[in-house]
């Protein structure tokens, strides 16, 4: 699987603030993108952080079509509607989503 450079760039712009967790973004046919939201600013990487807890605490996984993920990363308000409509499936620690703020820093 190959890394999607466009999604990688969009994730780098969207995840500007730490959120005390890790998100793995899964799109069909592409390598996952990992967002480590524990440091400031969050790190966008191509592999799982080495210090990820083995019990999965603090890890949320997104499953969606590439276009859906790209739109979520570009339009903060699209996140909730994608989840409610079933275009975005989530697994893992949902408390990560409660702390998440996409977009430019909210100083």
PDB file of N, CA and C in Angstrom:
ATOM      1  N   UNK A   1       0.842  -1.183   0.000  1.00  0.00           N
ATOM      2  CA  UNK A   1       0.000   0.000   0.000  1.00  0.00           C
ATOM      3  C   UNK A   1       0.886   1.244   0.000  1.00  0.00           C
ATOM      4  N   UNK A   2       0.390   2.275  -0.629  1.00  0.00           N
ATOM      5  CA  UNK A   2       1.157   3.512  -0.699  1.00  0.00           C
ATOM      6  C   UNK A   2       0.537   4.569   0.199  1.00  0.00           C
ATOM      7  N   UNK A   3       1.384   5.462   0.650  1.00  0.00           N
ATOM      8  CA  UNK A   3       0.925   6.581   1.468  1.00  0.00           C
ATOM      9  C   UNK A   3       0.306   7.626   0.543  1.00  0.00           C
ATOM     10  N   UNK A   4      -0.780   8.189   0.942  1.00  0.00           N
ATOM     11  CA  UNK A   4      -1.489   9.193   0.159  1.00  0.00           C
ATOM     12  C   UNK A   4      -0.968  10.572   0.555  1.00  0.00           C
ATOM     13  N   UNK A   5      -0.134  11.164  -0.296  1.00  0.00           N
ATOM     14  CA  UNK A   5       0.494  12.448   0.026  1.00  0.00           C
ATOM     15  C   UNK A   5      -0.525  13.561   0.250  1.00  0.00           C
ATOM     16  N   UNK A   6      -1.598  13.574  -0.526  1.00  0.00           N
ATOM     17  CA  UNK A   6      -2.606  14.626  -0.367  1.00  0.00           C
ATOM     18  C   UNK A   6      -3.292  14.524   0.999  1.00  0.00           C
ATOM     19  N   UNK A   7      -3.654  13.306   1.405  1.00  0.00           N
ATOM     20  CA  UNK A   7      -4.254  13.122   2.730  1.00  0.00           C
ATOM     21  C   UNK A   7      -3.257  13.464   3.833  1.00  0.00           C
ATOM     22  N   UNK A   8      -2.008  13.103   3.626  1.00  0.00           N
ATOM     23  CA  UNK A   8      -0.964  13.386   4.613  1.00  0.00           C
ATOM     24  C   UNK A   8      -0.840  14.898   4.826  1.00  0.00           C
ATOM     25  N   UNK A   9      -0.811  15.657   3.735  1.00  0.00           N
ATOM     26  CA  UNK A   9      -0.726  17.127   3.831  1.00  0.00           C
ATOM     27  C   UNK A   9      -1.979  17.711   4.487  1.00  0.00           C
ATOM     28  N   UNK A  10      -3.144  17.200   4.110  1.00  0.00           N
ATOM     29  CA  UNK A  10      -4.393  17.701   4.698  1.00  0.00           C
ATOM     30  C   UNK A  10      -4.441  17.406   6.193  1.00  0.00           C
ATOM     31  N   UNK A  11      -3.971  16.234   6.598  1.00  0.00           N
ATOM     32  CA  UNK A  11      -3.942  15.888   8.023  1.00  0.00           C
ATOM     33  C   UNK A  11      -2.988  16.796   8.779  1.00  0.00           C
ATOM     34  N   UNK A  12      -1.860  17.103   8.185  1.00  0.00           N
ATOM     35  CA  UNK A  12      -0.892  17.993   8.829  1.00  0.00           C
ATOM     36  C   UNK A  12      -1.510  19.362   9.088  1.00  0.00           C
ATOM     37  N   UNK A  13      -2.306  19.861   8.151  1.00  0.00           N
ATOM     38  CA  UNK A  13      -2.956  21.164   8.325  1.00  0.00           C
ATOM     39  C   UNK A  13      -4.126  21.089   9.309  1.00  0.00           C
ATOM     40  N   UNK A  14      -4.869  19.992   9.298  1.00  0.00           N
ATOM     41  CA  UNK A  14      -6.091  19.892  10.105  1.00  0.00           C
ATOM     42  C   UNK A  14      -5.824  19.648  11.582  1.00  0.00           C
ATOM     43  N   UNK A  15      -4.821  18.854  11.882  1.00  0.00           N
ATOM     44  CA  UNK A  15      -4.539  18.514  13.277  1.00  0.00           C
ATOM     45  C   UNK A  15      -3.485  19.478  13.816  1.00  0.00           C
ATOM     46  N   UNK A  16      -3.924  20.666  14.195  1.00  0.00           N
ATOM     47  CA  UNK A  16      -3.008  21.719  14.640  1.00  0.00           C
ATOM     48  C   UNK A  16      -2.824  21.743  16.152  1.00  0.00           C
ATOM     49  N   UNK A  17      -3.792  21.196  16.884  1.00  0.00           N
ATOM     50  CA  UNK A  17      -3.742  21.243  18.348  1.00  0.00           C
ATOM     51  C   UNK A  17      -3.654  19.839  18.925  1.00  0.00           C
ATOM     52  N   UNK A  18      -2.934  19.672  20.036  1.00  0.00           N
ATOM     53  CA  UNK A  18      -2.866  18.352  20.674  1.00  0.00           C
ATOM     54  C   UNK A  18      -4.235  17.935  21.208  1.00  0.00           C
ATOM     55  N   UNK A  19      -4.450  16.610  21.304  1.00  0.00           N
ATOM     56  CA  UNK A  19      -5.731  16.101  21.801  1.00  0.00           C
ATOM     57  C   UNK A  19      -5.554  14.870  22.691  1.00  0.00           C
ATOM     58  N   UNK A  20      -4.348  14.650  23.157  1.00  0.00           N
ATOM     59  CA  UNK A  20      -4.058  13.583  24.123  1.00  0.00           C
ATOM     60  C   UNK A  20      -4.565  12.222  23.670  1.00  0.00           C
ATOM     61  N   UNK A  21      -4.208  11.858  22.448  1.00  0.00           N
ATOM     62  CA  UNK A  21      -4.583  10.555  21.926  1.00  0.00           C
ATOM     63  C   UNK A  21      -3.936  10.325  20.578  1.00  0.00           C
ATOM     64  N   UNK A  22      -4.253   9.183  19.983  1.00  0.00           N
ATOM     65  CA  UNK A  22      -3.718   8.811  18.673  1.00  0.00           C
ATOM     66  C   UNK A  22      -4.890   8.409  17.785  1.00  0.00           C
ATOM     67  N   UNK A  23      -4.849   8.851  16.527  1.00  0.00           N
ATOM     68  CA  UNK A  23      -5.861   8.469  15.539  1.00  0.00           C
ATOM     69  C   UNK A  23      -5.158   7.747  14.394  1.00  0.00           C
ATOM     70  N   UNK A  24      -5.711   6.603  14.000  1.00  0.00           N
ATOM     71  CA  UNK A  24      -5.244   5.901  12.796  1.00  0.00           C
ATOM     72  C   UNK A  24      -6.331   6.081  11.748  1.00  0.00           C
ATOM     73  N   UNK A  25      -5.968   6.682  10.624  1.00  0.00           N
ATOM     74  CA  UNK A  25      -6.921   6.938   9.539  1.00  0.00           C
ATOM     75  C   UNK A  25      -6.741   5.861   8.475  1.00  0.00           C
ATOM     76  N   UNK A  26      -7.802   5.088   8.242  1.00  0.00           N
ATOM     77  CA  UNK A  26      -7.785   3.985   7.280  1.00  0.00           C
ATOM     78  C   UNK A  26      -8.667   4.330   6.088  1.00  0.00           C
ATOM     79  N   UNK A  27      -8.088   4.304   4.894  1.00  0.00           N
ATOM     80  CA  UNK A  27      -8.861   4.450   3.664  1.00  0.00           C
ATOM     81  C   UNK A  27      -8.536   3.255   2.778  1.00  0.00           C
ATOM     82  N   UNK A  28      -9.495   2.835   1.985  1.00  0.00           N
ATOM     83  CA  UNK A  28      -9.333   1.628   1.176  1.00  0.00           C
ATOM     84  C   UNK A  28      -8.149   1.722   0.221  1.00  0.00           C
ATOM     85  N   UNK A  29      -7.296   0.699   0.246  1.00  0.00           N
ATOM     86  CA  UNK A  29      -6.183   0.603  -0.687  1.00  0.00           C
ATOM     87  C   UNK A  29      -5.005   1.507  -0.397  1.00  0.00           C
ATOM     88  N   UNK A  30      -5.026   2.189   0.723  1.00  0.00           N
ATOM     89  CA  UNK A  30      -3.943   3.112   1.078  1.00  0.00           C
ATOM     90  C   UNK A  30      -3.347   2.710   2.417  1.00  0.00           C
ATOM     91  N   UNK A  31      -2.096   3.064   2.613  1.00  0.00           N
ATOM     92  CA  UNK A  31      -1.464   2.846   3.914  1.00  0.00           C
ATOM     93  C   UNK A  31      -2.128   3.764   4.934  1.00  0.00           C
ATOM     94  N   UNK A  32      -2.267   3.312   6.171  1.00  0.00           N
ATOM     95  CA  UNK A  32      -2.886   4.183   7.181  1.00  0.00           C
ATOM     96  C   UNK A  32      -2.020   5.396   7.488  1.00  0.00           C
ATOM     97  N   UNK A  33      -2.680   6.442   7.914  1.00  0.00           N
ATOM     98  CA  UNK A  33      -1.995   7.643   8.405  1.00  0.00           C
ATOM     99  C   UNK A  33      -2.222   7.673   9.908  1.00  0.00           C
ATOM    100  N   UNK A  34      -1.161   7.874  10.646  1.00  0.00           N
ATOM    101  CA  UNK A  34      -1.230   7.939  12.106  1.00  0.00           C
ATOM    102  C   UNK A  34      -1.092   9.382  12.548  1.00  0.00           C
ATOM    103  N   UNK A  35      -1.965   9.814  13.430  1.00  0.00           N
ATOM    104  CA  UNK A  35      -1.919  11.165  13.982  1.00  0.00           C
ATOM    105  C   UNK A  35      -1.671  11.019  15.479  1.00  0.00           C
ATOM    106  N   UNK A  36      -0.479  11.399  15.898  1.00  0.00           N
ATOM    107  CA  UNK A  36      -0.138  11.343  17.324  1.00  0.00           C
ATOM    108  C   UNK A  36      -0.436  12.709  17.914  1.00  0.00           C
ATOM    109  N   UNK A  37      -1.563  12.805  18.593  1.00  0.00           N
ATOM    110  CA  UNK A  37      -2.017  14.075  19.148  1.00  0.00           C
ATOM    111  C   UNK A  37      -1.577  14.321  20.574  1.00  0.00           C
ATOM    112  N   UNK A  38      -0.590  13.581  21.041  1.00  0.00           N
ATOM    113  CA  UNK A  38      -0.100  13.794  22.405  1.00  0.00           C
ATOM    114  C   UNK A  38       0.884  14.954  22.494  1.00  0.00           C
ATOM    115  N   UNK A  39       1.791  15.124  21.525  1.00  0.00           N
ATOM    116  CA  UNK A  39       2.679  16.298  21.600  1.00  0.00           C
ATOM    117  C   UNK A  39       2.023  17.522  20.969  1.00  0.00           C
ATOM    118  N   UNK A  40       2.624  18.666  21.179  1.00  0.00           N
ATOM    119  CA  UNK A  40       2.181  19.903  20.522  1.00  0.00           C
ATOM    120  C   UNK A  40       3.321  20.397  19.645  1.00  0.00           C
ATOM    121  N   UNK A  41       3.106  20.562  18.366  1.00  0.00           N
ATOM    122  CA  UNK A  41       1.913  20.198  17.602  1.00  0.00           C
ATOM    123  C   UNK A  41       1.856  18.682  17.384  1.00  0.00           C
ATOM    124  N   UNK A  42       0.688  18.160  17.037  1.00  0.00           N
ATOM    125  CA  UNK A  42       0.572  16.727  16.759  1.00  0.00           C
ATOM    126  C   UNK A  42       1.511  16.296  15.627  1.00  0.00           C
ATOM    127  N   UNK A  43       1.921  15.037  15.685  1.00  0.00           N
ATOM    128  CA  UNK A  43       2.795  14.473  14.646  1.00  0.00           C
ATOM    129  C   UNK A  43       1.954  13.607  13.710  1.00  0.00           C
ATOM    130  N   UNK A  44       2.137  13.806  12.408  1.00  0.00           N
ATOM    131  CA  UNK A  44       1.471  13.003  11.389  1.00  0.00           C
ATOM    132  C   UNK A  44       2.539  12.070  10.831  1.00  0.00           C
ATOM    133  N   UNK A  45       2.337  10.755  10.994  1.00  0.00           N
ATOM    134  CA  UNK A  45       3.375   9.790  10.634  1.00  0.00           C
ATOM    135  C   UNK A  45       2.775   8.611   9.872  1.00  0.00           C
ATOM    136  N   UNK A  46       3.660   7.836   9.242  1.00  0.00           N
ATOM    137  CA  UNK A  46       3.230   6.709   8.420  1.00  0.00           C
ATOM    138  C   UNK A  46       3.201   5.383   9.173  1.00  0.00           C
ATOM    139  N   UNK A  47       3.650   5.362  10.420  1.00  0.00           N
ATOM    140  CA  UNK A  47       3.624   4.121  11.192  1.00  0.00           C
ATOM    141  C   UNK A  47       3.190   4.408  12.625  1.00  0.00           C
ATOM    142  N   UNK A  48       2.772   3.364  13.305  1.00  0.00           N
ATOM    143  CA  UNK A  48       2.264   3.512  14.671  1.00  0.00           C
ATOM    144  C   UNK A  48       3.341   4.061  15.595  1.00  0.00           C
ATOM    145  N   UNK A  49       2.988   4.978  16.484  1.00  0.00           N
ATOM    146  CA  UNK A  49       3.954   5.454  17.473  1.00  0.00           C
ATOM    147  C   UNK A  49       4.455   4.281  18.321  1.00  0.00           C
ATOM    148  N   UNK A  50       5.740   4.267  18.603  1.00  0.00           N
ATOM    149  CA  UNK A  50       6.351   3.162  19.345  1.00  0.00           C
ATOM    150  C   UNK A  50       5.798   3.036  20.758  1.00  0.00           C
ATOM    151  N   UNK A  51       5.359   4.137  21.333  1.00  0.00           N
ATOM    152  CA  UNK A  51       4.900   4.116  22.724  1.00  0.00           C
ATOM    153  C   UNK A  51       3.381   4.028  22.860  1.00  0.00           C
ATOM    154  N   UNK A  52       2.714   3.502  21.849  1.00  0.00           N
ATOM    155  CA  UNK A  52       1.265   3.330  21.899  1.00  0.00           C
ATOM    156  C   UNK A  52       0.925   2.259  22.936  1.00  0.00           C
ATOM    157  N   UNK A  53       0.022   2.555  23.872  1.00  0.00           N
ATOM    158  CA  UNK A  53      -0.319   1.558  24.897  1.00  0.00           C
ATOM    159  C   UNK A  53      -0.860   0.273  24.258  1.00  0.00           C
ATOM    160  N   UNK A  54      -0.413  -0.891  24.738  1.00  0.00           N
ATOM    161  CA  UNK A  54      -0.847  -2.159  24.139  1.00  0.00           C
ATOM    162  C   UNK A  54      -2.342  -2.438  24.300  1.00  0.00           C
ATOM    163  N   UNK A  55      -2.989  -1.808  25.272  1.00  0.00           N
ATOM    164  CA  UNK A  55      -4.422  -2.039  25.479  1.00  0.00           C
ATOM    165  C   UNK A  55      -5.299  -1.188  24.565  1.00  0.00           C
ATOM    166  N   UNK A  56      -4.682  -0.329  23.746  1.00  0.00           N
ATOM    167  CA  UNK A  56      -5.438   0.511  22.821  1.00  0.00           C
ATOM    168  C   UNK A  56      -6.046   1.745  23.444  1.00  0.00           C
ATOM    169  N   UNK A  57      -5.808   1.955  24.734  1.00  0.00           N
ATOM    170  CA  UNK A  57      -6.341   3.145  25.394  1.00  0.00           C
ATOM    171  C   UNK A  57      -5.734   4.388  24.741  1.00  0.00           C
ATOM    172  N   UNK A  58      -6.574   5.320  24.361  1.00  0.00           N
ATOM    173  CA  UNK A  58      -6.104   6.541  23.713  1.00  0.00           C
ATOM    174  C   UNK A  58      -5.972   6.424  22.209  1.00  0.00           C
ATOM    175  N   UNK A  59      -6.428   5.300  21.616  1.00  0.00           N
ATOM    176  CA  UNK A  59      -6.363   5.102  20.165  1.00  0.00           C
ATOM    177  C   UNK A  59      -7.772   5.059  19.593  1.00  0.00           C
ATOM    178  N   UNK A  60      -8.009   5.886  18.588  1.00  0.00           N
ATOM    179  CA  UNK A  60      -9.272   5.884  17.856  1.00  0.00           C
ATOM    180  C   UNK A  60      -8.950   5.624  16.386  1.00  0.00           C
ATOM    181  N   UNK A  61      -9.711   4.748  15.750  1.00  0.00           N
ATOM    182  CA  UNK A  61      -9.478   4.406  14.349  1.00  0.00           C
ATOM    183  C   UNK A  61     -10.635   4.927  13.507  1.00  0.00           C
ATOM    184  N   UNK A  62     -10.275   5.632  12.424  1.00  0.00           N
ATOM    185  CA  UNK A  62     -11.263   6.124  11.469  1.00  0.00           C
ATOM    186  C   UNK A  62     -11.250   5.206  10.251  1.00  0.00           C
ATOM    187  N   UNK A  63     -12.419   4.787   9.783  1.00  0.00           N
ATOM    188  CA  UNK A  63     -12.571   4.039   8.540  1.00  0.00           C
ATOM    189  C   UNK A  63     -13.518   4.833   7.648  1.00  0.00           C
ATOM    190  N   UNK A  64     -13.046   5.226   6.468  1.00  0.00           N
ATOM    191  CA  UNK A  64     -13.905   5.987   5.548  1.00  0.00           C
ATOM    192  C   UNK A  64     -13.288   5.983   4.158  1.00  0.00           C
ATOM    193  N   UNK A  65     -14.105   6.327   3.176  1.00  0.00           N
ATOM    194  CA  UNK A  65     -13.602   6.505   1.816  1.00  0.00           C
ATOM    195  C   UNK A  65     -12.615   7.669   1.805  1.00  0.00           C
ATOM    196  N   UNK A  66     -11.675   7.609   0.904  1.00  0.00           N
ATOM    197  CA  UNK A  66     -10.640   8.643   0.811  1.00  0.00           C
ATOM    198  C   UNK A  66     -11.252  10.032   0.677  1.00  0.00           C
ATOM    199  N   UNK A  67     -12.232  10.183  -0.202  1.00  0.00           N
ATOM    200  CA  UNK A  67     -12.843  11.497  -0.420  1.00  0.00           C
ATOM    201  C   UNK A  67     -13.521  12.021   0.843  1.00  0.00           C
ATOM    202  N   UNK A  68     -14.132  11.132   1.604  1.00  0.00           N
ATOM    203  CA  UNK A  68     -14.771  11.537   2.858  1.00  0.00           C
ATOM    204  C   UNK A  68     -13.731  12.046   3.843  1.00  0.00           C
ATOM    205  N   UNK A  69     -12.634  11.309   3.992  1.00  0.00           N
ATOM    206  CA  UNK A  69     -11.582  11.732   4.926  1.00  0.00           C
ATOM    207  C   UNK A  69     -10.998  13.069   4.492  1.00  0.00           C
ATOM    208  N   UNK A  70     -10.736  13.218   3.209  1.00  0.00           N
ATOM    209  CA  UNK A  70     -10.177  14.476   2.718  1.00  0.00           C
ATOM    210  C   UNK A  70     -11.114  15.638   3.026  1.00  0.00           C
ATOM    211  N   UNK A  71     -12.387  15.439   2.817  1.00  0.00           N
ATOM    212  CA  UNK A  71     -13.354  16.509   3.096  1.00  0.00           C
ATOM    213  C   UNK A  71     -13.431  16.812   4.596  1.00  0.00           C
ATOM    214  N   UNK A  72     -13.370  15.784   5.439  1.00  0.00           N
ATOM    215  CA  UNK A  72     -13.359  15.995   6.891  1.00  0.00           C
ATOM    216  C   UNK A  72     -12.161  16.853   7.278  1.00  0.00           C
ATOM    217  N   UNK A  73     -11.013  16.550   6.705  1.00  0.00           N
ATOM    218  CA  UNK A  73      -9.792  17.271   7.057  1.00  0.00           C
ATOM    219  C   UNK A  73      -9.805  18.708   6.550  1.00  0.00           C
ATOM    220  N   UNK A  74     -10.558  18.959   5.496  1.00  0.00           N
ATOM    221  CA  UNK A  74     -10.626  20.308   4.930  1.00  0.00           C
ATOM    222  C   UNK A  74     -11.781  21.134   5.484  1.00  0.00           C
ATOM    223  N   UNK A  75     -12.822  20.477   6.006  1.00  0.00           N
ATOM    224  CA  UNK A  75     -14.012  21.173   6.502  1.00  0.00           C
ATOM    225  C   UNK A  75     -14.374  20.609   7.867  1.00  0.00           C
ATOM    226  N   UNK A  76     -13.968  21.280   8.906  1.00  0.00           N
ATOM    227  CA  UNK A  76     -14.153  20.784  10.269  1.00  0.00           C
ATOM    228  C   UNK A  76     -15.586  20.330  10.548  1.00  0.00           C
ATOM    229  N   UNK A  77     -16.564  21.055  10.074  1.00  0.00           N
ATOM    230  CA  UNK A  77     -17.966  20.736  10.373  1.00  0.00           C
ATOM    231  C   UNK A  77     -18.428  19.452   9.705  1.00  0.00           C
ATOM    232  N   UNK A  78     -17.698  18.952   8.722  1.00  0.00           N
ATOM    233  CA  UNK A  78     -18.085  17.733   8.013  1.00  0.00           C
ATOM    234  C   UNK A  78     -17.836  16.481   8.856  1.00  0.00           C
ATOM    235  N   UNK A  79     -17.023  16.573   9.896  1.00  0.00           N
ATOM    236  CA  UNK A  79     -16.707  15.428  10.751  1.00  0.00           C
ATOM    237  C   UNK A  79     -17.968  14.843  11.384  1.00  0.00           C
ATOM    238  N   UNK A  80     -18.749  15.662  12.046  1.00  0.00           N
ATOM    239  CA  UNK A  80     -19.949  15.178  12.734  1.00  0.00           C
ATOM    240  C   UNK A  80     -20.968  14.610  11.751  1.00  0.00           C
ATOM    241  N   UNK A  81     -21.201  15.304  10.652  1.00  0.00           N
ATOM    242  CA  UNK A  81     -22.201  14.814   9.703  1.00  0.00           C
ATOM    243  C   UNK A  81     -21.745  13.519   9.033  1.00  0.00           C
ATOM    244  N   UNK A  82     -20.451  13.341   8.836  1.00  0.00           N
ATOM    245  CA  UNK A  82     -19.942  12.096   8.253  1.00  0.00           C
ATOM    246  C   UNK A  82     -20.173  10.924   9.189  1.00  0.00           C
ATOM    247  N   UNK A  83     -19.978  11.156  10.477  1.00  0.00           N
ATOM    248  CA  UNK A  83     -20.208  10.100  11.460  1.00  0.00           C
ATOM    249  C   UNK A  83     -21.698   9.761  11.555  1.00  0.00           C
ATOM    250  N   UNK A  84     -22.526  10.780  11.677  1.00  0.00           N
ATOM    251  CA  UNK A  84     -23.969  10.565  11.826  1.00  0.00           C
ATOM    252  C   UNK A  84     -24.553   9.869  10.595  1.00  0.00           C
ATOM    253  N   UNK A  85     -24.057  10.198   9.414  1.00  0.00           N
ATOM    254  CA  UNK A  85     -24.591   9.616   8.179  1.00  0.00           C
ATOM    255  C   UNK A  85     -24.013   8.239   7.866  1.00  0.00           C
ATOM    256  N   UNK A  86     -23.014   7.802   8.628  1.00  0.00           N
ATOM    257  CA  UNK A  86     -22.420   6.490   8.398  1.00  0.00           C
ATOM    258  C   UNK A  86     -21.280   6.473   7.402  1.00  0.00           C
ATOM    259  N   UNK A  87     -20.883   7.626   6.896  1.00  0.00           N
ATOM    260  CA  UNK A  87     -19.749   7.673   5.962  1.00  0.00           C
ATOM    261  C   UNK A  87     -18.418   7.513   6.680  1.00  0.00           C
ATOM    262  N   UNK A  88     -18.386   7.823   7.976  1.00  0.00           N
ATOM    263  CA  UNK A  88     -17.194   7.660   8.806  1.00  0.00           C
ATOM    264  C   UNK A  88     -17.525   6.668   9.908  1.00  0.00           C
ATOM    265  N   UNK A  89     -16.763   5.589   9.970  1.00  0.00           N
ATOM    266  CA  UNK A  89     -16.915   4.613  11.044  1.00  0.00           C
ATOM    267  C   UNK A  89     -15.752   4.777  12.007  1.00  0.00           C
ATOM    268  N   UNK A  90     -16.057   4.685  13.282  1.00  0.00           N
ATOM    269  CA  UNK A  90     -15.051   4.864  14.322  1.00  0.00           C
ATOM    270  C   UNK A  90     -14.952   3.604  15.160  1.00  0.00           C
ATOM    271  N   UNK A  91     -13.736   3.325  15.636  1.00  0.00           N
ATOM    272  CA  UNK A  91     -13.514   2.209  16.553  1.00  0.00           C
ATOM    273  C   UNK A  91     -12.478   2.643  17.574  1.00  0.00           C
ATOM    274  N   UNK A  92     -12.543   2.033  18.730  1.00  0.00           N
ATOM    275  CA  UNK A  92     -11.534   2.308  19.747  1.00  0.00           C
ATOM    276  C   UNK A  92     -12.010   3.289  20.794  1.00  0.00           C
ATOM    277  N   UNK A  93     -11.089   4.096  21.275  1.00  0.00           N
ATOM    278  CA  UNK A  93     -11.318   5.012  22.394  1.00  0.00           C
ATOM    279  C   UNK A  93     -12.034   6.275  21.908  1.00  0.00           C
ATOM    280  N   UNK A  94     -13.325   6.355  22.180  1.00  0.00           N
ATOM    281  CA  UNK A  94     -14.128   7.493  21.726  1.00  0.00           C
ATOM    282  C   UNK A  94     -13.815   8.779  22.485  1.00  0.00           C
ATOM    283  N   UNK A  95     -13.164   8.688  23.632  1.00  0.00           N
ATOM    284  CA  UNK A  95     -12.813   9.913  24.363  1.00  0.00           C
ATOM    285  C   UNK A  95     -11.830  10.760  23.562  1.00  0.00           C
ATOM    286  N   UNK A  96     -11.089  10.126  22.657  1.00  0.00           N
ATOM    287  CA  UNK A  96     -10.176  10.869  21.778  1.00  0.00           C
ATOM    288  C   UNK A  96     -10.981  11.850  20.931  1.00  0.00           C
ATOM    289  N   UNK A  97     -12.118  11.403  20.407  1.00  0.00           N
ATOM    290  CA  UNK A  97     -12.942  12.260  19.560  1.00  0.00           C
ATOM    291  C   UNK A  97     -13.505  13.440  20.338  1.00  0.00           C
ATOM    292  N   UNK A  98     -13.801  13.239  21.609  1.00  0.00           N
ATOM    293  CA  UNK A  98     -14.349  14.324  22.433  1.00  0.00           C
ATOM    294  C   UNK A  98     -13.341  15.449  22.635  1.00  0.00           C
ATOM    295  N   UNK A  99     -12.069  15.123  22.585  1.00  0.00           N
ATOM    296  CA  UNK A  99     -11.020  16.133  22.801  1.00  0.00           C
ATOM    297  C   UNK A  99     -10.515  16.754  21.501  1.00  0.00           C
ATOM    298  N   UNK A 100     -10.957  16.247  20.372  1.00  0.00           N
ATOM    299  CA  UNK A 100     -10.431  16.639  19.070  1.00  0.00           C
ATOM    300  C   UNK A 100     -10.982  17.980  18.604  1.00  0.00           C
ATOM    301  N   UNK A 101     -10.081  18.832  18.114  1.00  0.00           N
ATOM    302  CA  UNK A 101     -10.460  20.103  17.479  1.00  0.00           C
ATOM    303  C   UNK A 101      -9.656  20.218  16.198  1.00  0.00           C
ATOM    304  N   UNK A 102     -10.349  20.130  15.072  1.00  0.00           N
ATOM    305  CA  UNK A 102      -9.678  20.218  13.783  1.00  0.00           C
ATOM    306  C   UNK A 102      -9.545  21.668  13.344  1.00  0.00           C
ATOM    307  N   UNK A 103      -8.590  21.894  12.457  1.00  0.00           N
ATOM    308  CA  UNK A 103      -8.424  23.216  11.873  1.00  0.00           C
ATOM    309  C   UNK A 103      -7.299  23.995  12.506  1.00  0.00           C
ATOM    310  N   UNK A 104      -7.260  25.268  12.193  1.00  0.00           N
ATOM    311  CA  UNK A 104      -6.214  26.155  12.708  1.00  0.00           C
ATOM    312  C   UNK A 104      -6.286  26.217  14.229  1.00  0.00           C
ATOM    313  N   UNK A 105      -5.171  26.493  14.887  1.00  0.00           N
ATOM    314  CA  UNK A 105      -5.188  26.593  16.355  1.00  0.00           C
ATOM    315  C   UNK A 105      -6.269  27.550  16.841  1.00  0.00           C
ATOM    316  N   UNK A 106      -6.924  27.164  17.908  1.00  0.00           N
ATOM    317  CA  UNK A 106      -8.033  27.939  18.468  1.00  0.00           C
ATOM    318  C   UNK A 106      -7.575  28.751  19.672  1.00  0.00           C
ATOM    319  N   UNK A 107      -6.396  29.359  19.600  1.00  0.00           N
ATOM    320  CA  UNK A 107      -5.757  30.158  20.625  1.00  0.00           C
ATOM    321  C   UNK A 107      -6.602  30.587  21.707  1.00  0.00           C
TER     322      UNK A 107
END
